[in-house]
Protein backbone atom coordinates (compact mmCIF):
# COMPACT_ATOMS: atom_id res chain seq x y z
CA MET A 1 -22.86 -2.97 -2.35
CA LYS A 2 -21.16 0.00 -0.69
CA LYS A 3 -20.33 -1.97 2.45
CA TYR A 4 -18.88 -4.95 0.60
CA PHE A 5 -17.13 -3.25 -2.31
CA PHE A 6 -16.54 0.50 -2.13
CA ILE A 7 -15.42 0.72 1.50
CA PRO A 8 -12.92 -2.17 1.16
CA VAL A 9 -11.57 -0.71 -2.10
CA LYS A 10 -11.14 2.68 -0.40
CA ALA A 11 -9.30 1.03 2.49
CA GLY A 12 -7.15 -0.91 0.02
CA THR A 13 -6.27 2.28 -1.81
CA PHE A 14 -5.15 3.89 1.44
CA GLY A 15 -3.11 0.75 2.19
CA PHE A 16 -1.46 0.97 -1.23
CA ILE A 17 -0.68 4.65 -0.76
CA GLY A 18 0.70 4.00 2.72
CA PHE A 19 3.05 1.26 1.55
CA PHE A 20 4.11 3.30 -1.48
CA VAL A 21 4.89 6.39 0.59
CA ILE A 22 6.93 4.37 3.08
CA LEU A 23 8.89 2.64 0.31
CA SER A 24 9.49 5.90 -1.57
CA ALA A 25 10.54 7.77 1.56
CA THR A 26 12.95 4.99 2.51
CA LYS A 27 14.51 4.99 -0.95
CA TYR A 28 14.76 8.76 -0.97
CA LEU A 29 16.40 8.86 2.45
CA SER A 30 18.90 6.21 1.41
CA TYR A 31 19.68 8.34 -1.66
CA LEU A 32 20.15 11.43 0.52
CA ILE A 33 22.55 9.77 2.95
CA GLY A 34 24.49 8.24 0.06
CA THR A 35 23.88 4.50 0.36
CA GLN A 36 22.28 4.51 -3.11
CA SER A 37 23.76 6.37 -6.04
CA ASN A 38 20.40 7.20 -7.66
CA PHE A 39 16.76 7.51 -6.69
CA ASN A 40 14.33 5.54 -8.82
CA ILE A 41 10.97 3.85 -8.44
CA ARG A 42 10.84 0.42 -10.02
CA MET A 43 8.00 -1.92 -10.84
CA ASP A 44 8.95 -4.00 -7.80
CA ASP A 45 7.98 -1.07 -5.59
CA ILE A 46 4.53 -0.95 -7.18
CA LEU A 47 4.11 -4.69 -6.66
CA LEU A 48 5.17 -4.43 -3.02
CA SER A 49 2.70 -1.60 -2.54
CA SER A 50 -0.05 -3.83 -3.92
CA ILE A 51 0.50 -6.01 -0.86
CA GLY A 52 -0.68 -3.02 1.17
CA PHE A 53 -3.80 -2.82 -0.97
CA LEU A 54 -4.49 -6.52 -0.58
CA LEU A 55 -3.97 -6.53 3.18
CA ALA A 56 -6.17 -3.51 3.85
CA PHE A 57 -8.85 -4.77 1.45
CA LEU A 58 -8.95 -8.21 3.04
CA ILE A 59 -9.02 -6.84 6.59
CA LYS A 60 -11.95 -4.58 5.75
CA ILE A 61 -13.96 -7.14 3.77
CA LEU A 62 -13.43 -9.91 6.30
CA GLY A 63 -14.47 -7.51 9.04
CA ASN A 64 -17.70 -6.88 7.11
CA PHE A 65 -18.41 -10.61 6.81
CA LYS A 66 -17.67 -11.09 10.50
CA GLN A 67 -20.45 -8.62 11.34
CA VAL A 68 -23.04 -10.60 9.34
């Protein structure tokens, strides 16, 4: 159970956080240099970060099935 659920979910969470940090940092830097007039996090950013979760989760779970 741990190998096929908890480890992939943990990897997916790190993937989500990684994507979210990159998106937030990019938006913040664009706000600082003046290309955007305001800094805000929208629902689209959360959805894009979920791609990071999905990619990391799938990579980890498919790697586990490859070992079987």
